[in-house]
């Protein structure tokens, strides 16, 4: 895996992945940015959520669960020091579907947390207190 990040000006940067996709990162105005995009640490948080939800959906599909919606709500705390690393991160999955088995949802979240999600496992090994939880919500009519 590779990528590059290019400084544009102020606190504005453009990152490009090895697969050719680009993303803009910016900082707050008080740090020279224009507040036009995500902060780098926000991207790390969202990337961890993306890694984990990908696992959960994949595992539930393999278990033949009829998932109609899924989101992961993320909350992270950073230490009040430099570097302001993550101290803790909570991932809360909210899953909806037809006749979902609670045991399958629980197992999908556990497998992501313990075996598959490279991002959350890496952070955990680096000392971040990473926790996972889930809820099953009834399907809402469209």
N, C-alpha and C. Protein backbone atom coordinates (compact mmCIF):
# COMPACT_ATOMS: atom_id res chain seq x y z
N UNK A 1 0.85 -1.17 0.00
CA UNK A 1 0.00 0.00 0.00
C UNK A 1 0.89 1.23 0.00
N UNK A 2 0.48 2.21 -0.77
CA UNK A 2 1.23 3.46 -0.77
C UNK A 2 0.30 4.63 -1.07
N UNK A 3 0.80 5.79 -0.87
CA UNK A 3 0.04 7.00 -1.12
C UNK A 3 0.95 8.20 -0.99
N UNK A 4 0.39 9.37 -1.19
CA UNK A 4 1.15 10.61 -1.06
C UNK A 4 0.20 11.70 -0.58
N UNK A 5 0.74 12.63 0.19
CA UNK A 5 -0.02 13.79 0.65
C UNK A 5 0.75 15.03 0.22
N UNK A 6 0.04 15.96 -0.42
CA UNK A 6 0.66 17.18 -0.95
C UNK A 6 0.09 18.39 -0.21
N UNK A 7 0.97 19.26 0.22
CA UNK A 7 0.56 20.51 0.85
C UNK A 7 0.09 21.47 -0.22
N UNK A 8 -1.09 22.08 -0.02
CA UNK A 8 -1.62 23.06 -0.96
C UNK A 8 -1.25 24.46 -0.47
N UNK A 9 -1.76 24.83 0.70
CA UNK A 9 -1.34 26.04 1.40
C UNK A 9 -2.00 26.06 2.76
N UNK A 10 -1.53 26.95 3.64
CA UNK A 10 -2.09 27.01 4.98
C UNK A 10 -2.04 25.65 5.64
N UNK A 11 -3.20 25.12 6.00
CA UNK A 11 -3.30 23.78 6.58
C UNK A 11 -4.14 22.89 5.67
N UNK A 12 -4.09 23.17 4.37
CA UNK A 12 -4.85 22.41 3.38
C UNK A 12 -3.93 21.44 2.66
N UNK A 13 -4.34 20.17 2.62
CA UNK A 13 -3.55 19.10 2.02
C UNK A 13 -4.44 18.23 1.15
N UNK A 14 -3.86 17.64 0.12
CA UNK A 14 -4.57 16.67 -0.71
C UNK A 14 -3.79 15.36 -0.64
N UNK A 15 -4.49 14.30 -0.25
CA UNK A 15 -3.87 12.99 -0.20
C UNK A 15 -4.37 12.16 -1.37
N UNK A 16 -3.46 11.36 -1.94
CA UNK A 16 -3.85 10.46 -3.02
C UNK A 16 -3.38 9.07 -2.68
N UNK A 17 -4.29 8.12 -2.77
CA UNK A 17 -3.97 6.73 -2.45
C UNK A 17 -3.30 6.06 -3.63
N UNK A 18 -2.69 4.94 -3.37
CA UNK A 18 -2.07 4.16 -4.42
C UNK A 18 -3.07 3.68 -5.46
N UNK A 19 -4.34 3.60 -5.07
CA UNK A 19 -5.37 3.18 -6.02
C UNK A 19 -5.91 4.35 -6.83
N UNK A 20 -5.35 5.56 -6.62
CA UNK A 20 -5.71 6.70 -7.45
C UNK A 20 -6.84 7.56 -6.94
N UNK A 21 -7.28 7.35 -5.71
CA UNK A 21 -8.36 8.16 -5.14
C UNK A 21 -7.78 9.29 -4.29
N UNK A 22 -8.43 10.44 -4.35
CA UNK A 22 -7.92 11.61 -3.63
C UNK A 22 -8.90 12.06 -2.56
N UNK A 23 -8.33 12.71 -1.55
CA UNK A 23 -9.12 13.25 -0.45
C UNK A 23 -8.45 14.55 0.01
N UNK A 24 -9.29 15.50 0.43
CA UNK A 24 -8.79 16.78 0.92
C UNK A 24 -8.83 16.77 2.44
N UNK A 25 -7.79 17.30 3.05
CA UNK A 25 -7.73 17.47 4.50
C UNK A 25 -7.45 18.94 4.78
N UNK A 26 -8.05 19.47 5.83
CA UNK A 26 -7.85 20.87 6.18
C UNK A 26 -7.88 21.02 7.69
N UNK A 27 -7.36 22.12 8.16
CA UNK A 27 -7.34 22.41 9.58
C UNK A 27 -8.27 23.56 9.92
N UNK A 28 -8.40 23.83 11.20
CA UNK A 28 -9.25 24.95 11.63
C UNK A 28 -8.57 26.28 11.31
N UNK A 29 -9.37 27.33 11.25
CA UNK A 29 -8.87 28.65 10.90
C UNK A 29 -7.79 29.14 11.87
N UNK A 30 -7.94 28.81 13.15
CA UNK A 30 -6.96 29.27 14.13
C UNK A 30 -5.60 28.60 13.98
N UNK A 31 -5.53 27.56 13.16
CA UNK A 31 -4.25 26.90 12.89
C UNK A 31 -3.82 27.06 11.43
N UNK A 32 -4.38 28.06 10.75
CA UNK A 32 -3.97 28.35 9.39
C UNK A 32 -4.80 27.69 8.31
N UNK A 33 -5.83 26.98 8.70
CA UNK A 33 -6.69 26.32 7.72
C UNK A 33 -7.89 27.16 7.35
N UNK A 34 -8.74 26.57 6.54
CA UNK A 34 -9.98 27.24 6.13
C UNK A 34 -11.21 26.47 6.58
N UNK A 35 -10.99 25.39 7.32
CA UNK A 35 -12.08 24.56 7.83
C UNK A 35 -12.97 24.06 6.70
N UNK A 36 -12.34 23.60 5.60
CA UNK A 36 -13.09 23.17 4.43
C UNK A 36 -13.20 21.66 4.29
N UNK A 37 -12.58 20.92 5.17
CA UNK A 37 -12.61 19.47 5.04
C UNK A 37 -12.29 18.81 6.37
N UNK A 38 -12.21 17.49 6.32
CA UNK A 38 -11.89 16.72 7.51
C UNK A 38 -10.49 17.00 8.00
N UNK A 39 -10.30 16.88 9.32
CA UNK A 39 -8.97 16.92 9.91
C UNK A 39 -8.34 15.54 9.73
N UNK A 40 -7.02 15.44 9.71
CA UNK A 40 -6.38 14.14 9.58
C UNK A 40 -6.80 13.13 10.65
N UNK A 41 -6.93 13.55 11.90
CA UNK A 41 -7.34 12.60 12.95
C UNK A 41 -8.79 12.17 12.78
N UNK A 42 -9.63 13.05 12.23
CA UNK A 42 -11.00 12.65 11.92
C UNK A 42 -11.00 11.57 10.84
N UNK A 43 -10.08 11.70 9.89
CA UNK A 43 -9.98 10.69 8.83
C UNK A 43 -9.56 9.35 9.41
N UNK A 44 -8.66 9.39 10.39
CA UNK A 44 -8.23 8.15 11.05
C UNK A 44 -9.42 7.51 11.77
N UNK A 45 -10.22 8.31 12.44
CA UNK A 45 -11.41 7.80 13.13
C UNK A 45 -12.40 7.20 12.12
N UNK A 46 -12.69 7.94 11.05
CA UNK A 46 -13.64 7.44 10.05
C UNK A 46 -13.09 6.23 9.31
N UNK A 47 -11.79 6.22 9.06
CA UNK A 47 -11.18 5.06 8.42
C UNK A 47 -11.31 3.81 9.27
N UNK A 48 -11.17 3.97 10.57
CA UNK A 48 -11.35 2.83 11.48
C UNK A 48 -12.79 2.35 11.43
N UNK A 49 -13.73 3.28 11.43
CA UNK A 49 -15.14 2.91 11.32
C UNK A 49 -15.45 2.21 10.01
N UNK A 50 -14.85 2.71 8.92
CA UNK A 50 -15.06 2.10 7.61
C UNK A 50 -14.51 0.69 7.56
N UNK A 51 -13.34 0.48 8.13
CA UNK A 51 -12.72 -0.85 8.18
C UNK A 51 -13.63 -1.82 8.94
N UNK A 52 -14.11 -1.38 10.09
CA UNK A 52 -14.92 -2.24 10.95
C UNK A 52 -16.29 -2.54 10.34
N UNK A 53 -16.96 -1.53 9.78
CA UNK A 53 -18.29 -1.77 9.23
C UNK A 53 -18.23 -2.65 7.99
N UNK A 54 -17.14 -2.53 7.23
CA UNK A 54 -16.94 -3.42 6.08
C UNK A 54 -16.92 -4.87 6.55
N UNK A 55 -16.17 -5.13 7.63
CA UNK A 55 -16.12 -6.49 8.19
C UNK A 55 -17.49 -6.97 8.64
N UNK A 56 -18.18 -6.14 9.40
CA UNK A 56 -19.47 -6.55 9.97
C UNK A 56 -20.46 -6.88 8.87
N UNK A 57 -20.56 -6.03 7.86
CA UNK A 57 -21.49 -6.30 6.75
C UNK A 57 -21.10 -7.57 6.02
N UNK A 58 -19.82 -7.74 5.74
CA UNK A 58 -19.34 -8.93 5.04
C UNK A 58 -19.66 -10.20 5.81
N UNK A 59 -19.42 -10.18 7.10
CA UNK A 59 -19.68 -11.36 7.94
C UNK A 59 -21.18 -11.65 8.00
N UNK A 60 -22.00 -10.62 8.14
CA UNK A 60 -23.45 -10.82 8.19
C UNK A 60 -23.98 -11.36 6.87
N UNK A 61 -23.45 -10.89 5.75
CA UNK A 61 -23.88 -11.41 4.45
C UNK A 61 -23.50 -12.88 4.31
N UNK A 62 -22.29 -13.23 4.72
CA UNK A 62 -21.86 -14.63 4.66
C UNK A 62 -22.72 -15.52 5.53
N UNK A 63 -23.25 -14.94 6.62
CA UNK A 63 -24.14 -15.68 7.53
C UNK A 63 -25.58 -15.65 7.04
N UNK A 64 -25.80 -15.14 5.83
CA UNK A 64 -27.11 -15.05 5.19
C UNK A 64 -28.14 -14.26 6.02
N UNK A 65 -27.64 -13.19 6.64
CA UNK A 65 -28.53 -12.29 7.36
C UNK A 65 -29.01 -11.21 6.40
N UNK A 66 -30.29 -10.89 6.47
CA UNK A 66 -30.89 -9.92 5.56
C UNK A 66 -30.77 -8.52 6.17
N UNK A 67 -29.58 -7.92 6.00
CA UNK A 67 -29.31 -6.58 6.53
C UNK A 67 -29.85 -5.55 5.55
N UNK A 68 -30.61 -4.59 6.06
CA UNK A 68 -31.13 -3.53 5.20
C UNK A 68 -30.49 -2.18 5.49
N UNK A 69 -29.86 -2.05 6.66
CA UNK A 69 -29.17 -0.81 7.02
C UNK A 69 -28.16 -1.11 8.12
N UNK A 70 -27.08 -0.36 8.08
CA UNK A 70 -26.07 -0.51 9.13
C UNK A 70 -25.27 0.78 9.19
N UNK A 71 -24.97 1.21 10.40
CA UNK A 71 -24.09 2.35 10.59
C UNK A 71 -23.23 2.07 11.82
N UNK A 72 -22.09 2.70 11.87
CA UNK A 72 -21.26 2.62 13.07
C UNK A 72 -21.07 4.04 13.58
N UNK A 73 -21.46 4.24 14.83
CA UNK A 73 -21.33 5.54 15.48
C UNK A 73 -20.00 5.52 16.23
N UNK A 74 -19.18 6.53 16.00
CA UNK A 74 -17.83 6.56 16.52
C UNK A 74 -17.65 7.69 17.52
N UNK A 75 -16.92 7.38 18.57
CA UNK A 75 -16.58 8.42 19.55
C UNK A 75 -15.16 8.14 20.02
N UNK A 76 -14.32 9.15 19.96
CA UNK A 76 -12.94 8.98 20.40
C UNK A 76 -12.55 10.11 21.34
N UNK A 77 -11.71 9.78 22.28
CA UNK A 77 -11.13 10.76 23.19
C UNK A 77 -9.64 10.85 22.89
N UNK A 78 -9.12 12.06 22.89
CA UNK A 78 -7.68 12.25 22.70
C UNK A 78 -7.07 12.75 24.00
N UNK A 79 -5.81 12.43 24.22
CA UNK A 79 -5.14 12.91 25.42
C UNK A 79 -4.95 14.42 25.29
N UNK A 80 -4.87 15.07 26.42
CA UNK A 80 -4.70 16.52 26.44
C UNK A 80 -3.23 16.85 26.56
N UNK A 81 -2.47 16.45 25.54
CA UNK A 81 -1.03 16.65 25.52
C UNK A 81 -0.55 16.52 24.09
N UNK A 82 0.69 16.82 23.86
CA UNK A 82 1.27 16.65 22.53
C UNK A 82 2.20 15.46 22.58
N UNK A 83 2.05 14.49 21.74
CA UNK A 83 1.06 14.39 20.66
C UNK A 83 -0.32 14.03 21.22
N UNK A 84 -1.36 14.58 20.64
CA UNK A 84 -2.74 14.36 21.10
C UNK A 84 -3.28 13.08 20.49
N UNK A 85 -2.70 11.95 20.90
CA UNK A 85 -3.10 10.65 20.38
C UNK A 85 -4.46 10.24 20.92
N UNK A 86 -5.06 9.26 20.26
CA UNK A 86 -6.31 8.71 20.78
C UNK A 86 -6.02 7.97 22.08
N UNK A 87 -6.86 8.23 23.07
CA UNK A 87 -6.79 7.53 24.35
C UNK A 87 -7.80 6.39 24.35
N UNK A 88 -8.97 6.66 23.78
CA UNK A 88 -10.01 5.65 23.70
C UNK A 88 -10.85 5.88 22.45
N UNK A 89 -11.50 4.80 22.01
CA UNK A 89 -12.38 4.87 20.86
C UNK A 89 -13.50 3.87 21.06
N UNK A 90 -14.72 4.33 20.85
CA UNK A 90 -15.88 3.45 20.93
C UNK A 90 -16.51 3.34 19.55
N UNK A 91 -16.81 2.10 19.16
CA UNK A 91 -17.51 1.83 17.91
C UNK A 91 -18.83 1.19 18.28
N UNK A 92 -19.93 1.83 17.93
CA UNK A 92 -21.27 1.31 18.24
C UNK A 92 -22.00 1.06 16.92
N UNK A 93 -22.27 -0.19 16.63
CA UNK A 93 -22.93 -0.59 15.39
C UNK A 93 -24.44 -0.62 15.60
N UNK A 94 -25.16 -0.06 14.67
CA UNK A 94 -26.62 -0.09 14.69
C UNK A 94 -27.05 -0.78 13.40
N UNK A 95 -27.67 -1.94 13.55
CA UNK A 95 -27.99 -2.79 12.41
C UNK A 95 -29.50 -2.97 12.33
N UNK A 96 -30.03 -2.91 11.11
CA UNK A 96 -31.44 -3.18 10.85
C UNK A 96 -31.53 -4.23 9.76
N UNK A 97 -32.63 -4.99 9.79
CA UNK A 97 -32.82 -5.99 8.75
C UNK A 97 -34.04 -6.84 9.00
N UNK A 98 -34.19 -7.84 8.14
CA UNK A 98 -35.32 -8.75 8.24
C UNK A 98 -34.92 -9.99 9.03
N UNK A 99 -35.57 -10.20 10.16
CA UNK A 99 -35.35 -11.38 11.00
C UNK A 99 -33.88 -11.59 11.35
N UNK A 100 -33.21 -10.52 11.73
CA UNK A 100 -31.80 -10.64 12.11
C UNK A 100 -31.67 -11.46 13.39
N UNK A 101 -30.67 -12.32 13.42
CA UNK A 101 -30.38 -13.09 14.63
C UNK A 101 -29.37 -12.29 15.46
N UNK A 102 -29.75 -12.02 16.70
CA UNK A 102 -28.89 -11.25 17.59
C UNK A 102 -27.53 -11.93 17.74
N UNK A 103 -27.51 -13.24 17.79
CA UNK A 103 -26.25 -13.97 17.95
C UNK A 103 -25.33 -13.75 16.74
N UNK A 104 -25.89 -13.60 15.55
CA UNK A 104 -25.08 -13.37 14.35
C UNK A 104 -24.51 -11.95 14.34
N UNK A 105 -25.31 -10.99 14.78
CA UNK A 105 -24.83 -9.61 14.85
C UNK A 105 -23.71 -9.52 15.89
N UNK A 106 -23.92 -10.11 17.05
CA UNK A 106 -22.90 -10.11 18.11
C UNK A 106 -21.61 -10.74 17.59
N UNK A 107 -21.72 -11.88 16.93
CA UNK A 107 -20.55 -12.59 16.43
C UNK A 107 -19.82 -11.77 15.35
N UNK A 108 -20.56 -11.10 14.48
CA UNK A 108 -19.94 -10.28 13.44
C UNK A 108 -19.13 -9.14 14.06
N UNK A 109 -19.68 -8.49 15.07
CA UNK A 109 -18.98 -7.40 15.75
C UNK A 109 -17.75 -7.94 16.48
N UNK A 110 -17.89 -9.09 17.14
CA UNK A 110 -16.76 -9.70 17.84
C UNK A 110 -15.64 -10.09 16.87
N UNK A 111 -16.00 -10.70 15.75
CA UNK A 111 -14.98 -11.10 14.78
C UNK A 111 -14.24 -9.89 14.20
N UNK A 112 -14.97 -8.83 13.93
CA UNK A 112 -14.33 -7.62 13.44
C UNK A 112 -13.34 -7.11 14.49
N UNK A 113 -13.79 -7.03 15.73
CA UNK A 113 -12.97 -6.48 16.81
C UNK A 113 -11.74 -7.33 17.11
N UNK A 114 -11.90 -8.65 17.07
CA UNK A 114 -10.84 -9.55 17.54
C UNK A 114 -9.96 -10.11 16.44
N UNK A 115 -10.46 -10.15 15.19
CA UNK A 115 -9.73 -10.86 14.16
C UNK A 115 -9.50 -10.09 12.86
N UNK A 116 -10.48 -9.32 12.40
CA UNK A 116 -10.43 -8.81 11.05
C UNK A 116 -10.12 -7.33 10.87
N UNK A 117 -10.58 -6.46 11.75
CA UNK A 117 -10.42 -5.02 11.51
C UNK A 117 -8.99 -4.59 11.83
N UNK A 118 -8.20 -4.48 10.79
CA UNK A 118 -6.78 -4.11 10.93
C UNK A 118 -6.63 -2.78 11.66
N UNK A 119 -7.48 -1.83 11.36
CA UNK A 119 -7.35 -0.49 11.94
C UNK A 119 -7.61 -0.50 13.45
N UNK A 120 -8.73 -1.07 13.90
CA UNK A 120 -9.02 -1.04 15.33
C UNK A 120 -8.06 -1.93 16.11
N UNK A 121 -7.64 -3.04 15.52
CA UNK A 121 -6.68 -3.92 16.19
C UNK A 121 -5.33 -3.23 16.32
N UNK A 122 -4.90 -2.53 15.28
CA UNK A 122 -3.64 -1.79 15.32
C UNK A 122 -3.68 -0.72 16.41
N UNK A 123 -4.77 0.02 16.48
CA UNK A 123 -4.90 1.06 17.49
C UNK A 123 -4.90 0.46 18.90
N UNK A 124 -5.60 -0.64 19.05
CA UNK A 124 -5.66 -1.32 20.34
C UNK A 124 -4.26 -1.77 20.78
N UNK A 125 -3.53 -2.35 19.85
CA UNK A 125 -2.16 -2.80 20.17
C UNK A 125 -1.24 -1.63 20.50
N UNK A 126 -1.58 -0.44 20.02
CA UNK A 126 -0.78 0.75 20.30
C UNK A 126 -1.20 1.42 21.61
N UNK A 127 -2.14 0.83 22.33
CA UNK A 127 -2.54 1.35 23.64
C UNK A 127 -3.85 2.10 23.68
N UNK A 128 -4.55 2.21 22.57
CA UNK A 128 -5.86 2.87 22.57
C UNK A 128 -6.89 1.89 23.13
N UNK A 129 -7.70 2.34 24.06
CA UNK A 129 -8.76 1.50 24.62
C UNK A 129 -9.92 1.50 23.64
N UNK A 130 -10.00 0.46 22.81
CA UNK A 130 -11.03 0.37 21.78
C UNK A 130 -12.14 -0.55 22.27
N UNK A 131 -13.37 -0.05 22.21
CA UNK A 131 -14.51 -0.88 22.62
C UNK A 131 -15.53 -0.94 21.48
N UNK A 132 -16.28 -2.03 21.47
CA UNK A 132 -17.28 -2.27 20.44
C UNK A 132 -18.61 -2.62 21.11
N UNK A 133 -19.69 -2.12 20.56
CA UNK A 133 -21.03 -2.47 21.03
C UNK A 133 -21.95 -2.48 19.82
N UNK A 134 -23.17 -2.95 20.03
CA UNK A 134 -24.12 -2.99 18.91
C UNK A 134 -25.54 -2.90 19.42
N UNK A 135 -26.41 -2.55 18.50
CA UNK A 135 -27.86 -2.54 18.75
C UNK A 135 -28.53 -2.98 17.45
N UNK A 136 -29.65 -3.65 17.62
CA UNK A 136 -30.45 -4.02 16.46
C UNK A 136 -31.70 -3.17 16.51
N UNK A 137 -31.93 -2.41 15.45
CA UNK A 137 -33.11 -1.56 15.38
C UNK A 137 -34.11 -2.17 14.42
N UNK A 138 -35.39 -1.97 14.71
CA UNK A 138 -36.40 -2.46 13.76
C UNK A 138 -36.28 -1.72 12.44
N UNK A 139 -36.63 -2.38 11.39
CA UNK A 139 -36.62 -1.78 10.08
C UNK A 139 -37.65 -0.66 10.05
N UNK A 140 -37.30 0.44 9.41
CA UNK A 140 -38.24 1.56 9.29
C UNK A 140 -38.83 1.54 7.88
N UNK A 141 -40.08 1.89 7.80
CA UNK A 141 -40.75 1.92 6.48
C UNK A 141 -40.21 3.09 5.68
N UNK A 142 -40.01 2.87 4.40
CA UNK A 142 -39.45 3.92 3.54
C UNK A 142 -40.52 4.89 3.11
